[in-house]
Amino acid sequence: MGAEILSQLNGKVDAFVASFGSAGCAMGVAEVLKAHNPKTKVSIVEPFESPMVSKGLAGPHHIEGIGDGFMPPLLRRDLYDDVVVVREDDAKEATRTLVRKEGIFAGSSTGANVQATLQILDKFGPDKDIVTIAADSGMKYLSTELFQKE
């Protein structure tokens, strides 16, 4: 996936933002991007309610697939620059906004990625190329409160 990202952006990636479960995808992409340009900033995303990496605390939350309450063995400190925490409610609202405004039907970990990317964008400015991942489809969340009518 890292090579595909580089190809699509002609090799210019200023920052990469990704939530993580096992950390395989996030670290795999980070490794490729940093090999291409060590100045690429990599931010990993975890739930505010379960900040295991940033604070060593595990807690309950409903952002599926991330923040599972343990340190993933594939997480490599040398491949990420910082940790962005995202509140569950903000991740879910970003997920709903993706559907309503962009037609992107994804799960709440994708919403967390987008919410964190917006935080990073505030730091970097609009002239930077910042990449994140739509981690999964929203199909398995249709019966959850994520997409229930309000």
Protein backbone atom coordinates (compact mmCIF):
# COMPACT_ATOMS: atom_id res chain seq x y z
CA MET A 1 0.00 0.00 0.00
CA GLY A 2 2.89 2.40 0.72
CA ALA A 3 4.23 2.06 -2.82
CA GLU A 4 0.75 2.72 -4.22
CA ILE A 5 0.42 5.86 -2.12
CA LEU A 6 3.80 7.11 -3.33
CA SER A 7 2.83 6.36 -6.92
CA GLN A 8 -0.50 8.20 -6.67
CA LEU A 9 1.13 11.26 -5.11
CA ASN A 10 4.22 11.29 -7.32
CA GLY A 11 6.40 10.51 -4.31
CA LYS A 12 5.30 13.55 -2.27
CA VAL A 13 3.81 12.59 1.09
CA ASP A 14 4.32 15.06 3.91
CA ALA A 15 2.40 13.08 6.52
CA PHE A 16 0.65 9.75 6.98
CA VAL A 17 -2.07 9.22 9.59
CA ALA A 18 -3.41 5.79 10.55
CA SER A 19 -5.25 4.07 13.34
CA PHE A 20 -4.03 0.61 14.27
CA GLY A 21 -5.17 -2.72 15.61
CA SER A 22 -2.31 -5.14 15.07
CA ALA A 23 -0.35 -2.17 13.60
CA GLY A 24 0.62 -4.21 10.53
CA CYS A 25 -0.92 -1.87 7.95
CA ALA A 26 0.16 1.36 9.68
CA MET A 27 3.74 0.20 10.19
CA GLY A 28 4.02 -1.38 6.74
CA VAL A 29 2.99 1.85 5.05
CA ALA A 30 5.14 3.92 7.42
CA GLU A 31 8.20 1.81 6.63
CA VAL A 32 7.81 2.36 2.89
CA LEU A 33 7.10 6.09 3.22
CA LYS A 34 10.00 6.73 5.59
CA ALA A 35 12.38 4.72 3.39
CA HIS A 36 11.39 6.98 0.51
CA ASN A 37 11.60 10.18 2.60
CA PRO A 38 12.69 10.04 6.25
CA LYS A 39 11.11 13.50 6.79
CA THR A 40 7.61 12.12 6.21
CA LYS A 41 5.72 12.52 9.49
CA VAL A 42 3.78 9.48 10.66
CA SER A 43 1.01 9.83 13.21
CA ILE A 44 -0.76 6.85 14.70
CA VAL A 45 -4.32 7.18 15.98
CA GLU A 46 -5.82 5.74 19.14
CA PRO A 47 -9.07 6.28 21.03
CA PHE A 48 -9.08 8.95 23.73
CA GLU A 49 -10.98 6.43 25.83
CA SER A 50 -8.21 3.79 25.53
CA PRO A 51 -4.84 5.56 25.17
CA MET A 52 -2.61 2.51 25.57
CA VAL A 53 0.33 3.81 23.53
CA SER A 54 0.25 7.45 24.63
CA LYS A 55 -0.62 6.90 28.32
CA GLY A 56 -0.48 3.18 29.04
CA LEU A 57 -4.20 3.06 29.84
CA ALA A 58 -6.84 0.73 28.43
CA GLY A 59 -10.52 1.52 28.52
CA PRO A 60 -13.84 0.68 26.89
CA HIS A 61 -14.82 2.36 23.63
CA HIS A 62 -16.71 1.63 20.42
CA ILE A 63 -14.23 2.43 17.65
CA GLU A 64 -14.06 -1.04 16.19
CA GLY A 65 -10.67 -2.57 15.32
CA ILE A 66 -8.43 -0.16 17.22
CA GLY A 67 -7.42 0.56 20.80
CA ASP A 68 -7.71 -3.05 21.91
CA GLY A 69 -6.03 -2.47 25.27
CA PHE A 70 -2.60 -3.93 24.56
CA MET A 71 0.63 -2.89 22.88
CA PRO A 72 0.60 -4.47 19.43
CA PRO A 73 3.80 -6.42 18.80
CA LEU A 74 4.06 -4.98 15.27
CA LEU A 75 4.08 -1.36 16.51
CA ARG A 76 7.56 0.09 15.94
CA ARG A 77 8.49 3.28 17.77
CA ASP A 78 11.09 4.12 15.12
CA LEU A 79 8.38 4.37 12.45
CA TYR A 80 5.97 6.87 13.99
CA ASP A 81 6.50 10.42 15.14
CA ASP A 82 3.49 10.99 17.35
CA VAL A 83 0.20 9.65 18.63
CA VAL A 84 -3.08 11.45 18.00
CA VAL A 85 -5.98 10.64 20.31
CA VAL A 86 -9.53 10.91 19.01
CA ARG A 87 -12.70 10.85 21.07
CA GLU A 88 -15.15 8.11 20.16
CA ASP A 89 -17.98 10.61 19.55
CA ASP A 90 -15.77 12.65 17.21
CA ALA A 91 -14.76 9.54 15.27
CA LYS A 92 -18.38 8.52 14.84
CA GLU A 93 -19.46 11.98 13.74
CA ALA A 94 -16.62 12.08 11.20
CA THR A 95 -17.79 8.67 9.93
CA ARG A 96 -21.34 9.97 9.43
CA THR A 97 -20.04 13.12 7.76
CA LEU A 98 -18.02 11.01 5.31
CA VAL A 99 -21.23 9.28 4.24
CA ARG A 100 -23.36 12.43 4.03
CA LYS A 101 -20.89 14.79 2.38
CA GLU A 102 -18.40 12.59 0.53
CA GLY A 103 -20.32 9.39 -0.20
CA ILE A 104 -17.65 7.32 1.58
CA PHE A 105 -19.32 4.50 3.51
CA ALA A 106 -16.81 3.37 6.11
CA GLY A 107 -16.47 2.26 9.71
CA SER A 108 -15.62 4.25 12.81
CA SER A 109 -11.86 3.57 12.63
CA THR A 110 -11.92 5.41 9.30
CA GLY A 111 -13.78 8.23 11.03
CA ALA A 112 -11.01 8.28 13.65
CA ASN A 113 -8.43 8.49 10.85
CA VAL A 114 -10.23 11.43 9.25
CA GLN A 115 -10.71 13.25 12.55
CA ALA A 116 -7.00 12.81 13.37
CA THR A 117 -6.01 13.92 9.87
CA LEU A 118 -8.00 17.14 10.37
CA GLN A 119 -6.04 17.74 13.58
CA ILE A 120 -2.76 17.17 11.74
CA LEU A 121 -3.89 19.44 8.90
CA ASP A 122 -4.32 22.26 11.41
CA LYS A 123 -0.63 21.86 12.35
CA PHE A 124 0.79 21.41 8.85
CA GLY A 125 -1.36 23.79 6.81
CA PRO A 126 -3.32 23.32 3.58
CA ASP A 127 -0.34 23.12 1.22
CA LYS A 128 0.85 19.75 2.55
CA ASP A 129 0.03 16.28 1.25
CA ILE A 130 -1.44 14.31 4.14
CA VAL A 131 -2.63 10.74 3.60
CA THR A 132 -4.91 8.50 5.63
CA ILE A 133 -6.72 5.22 5.04
CA ALA A 134 -10.36 4.22 4.72
CA ALA A 135 -9.93 1.05 6.75
CA ASP A 136 -13.16 -0.78 5.98
CA SER A 137 -16.69 -0.61 4.64
CA GLY A 138 -19.57 0.55 6.79
CA MET A 139 -21.61 -2.55 5.95
CA LYS A 140 -21.02 -4.40 9.21
CA TYR A 141 -22.01 -1.31 11.20
CA LEU A 142 -25.49 -0.83 9.71
CA SER A 143 -27.14 -2.57 12.66
CA THR A 144 -25.14 -0.60 15.24
CA GLU A 145 -25.82 2.82 16.73
CA LEU A 146 -23.26 4.29 14.33
CA PHE A 147 -25.81 4.46 11.52
CA GLN A 148 -29.11 4.37 13.40
CA LYS A 149 -31.53 7.19 12.61
CA GLU A 150 -31.20 10.07 14.99
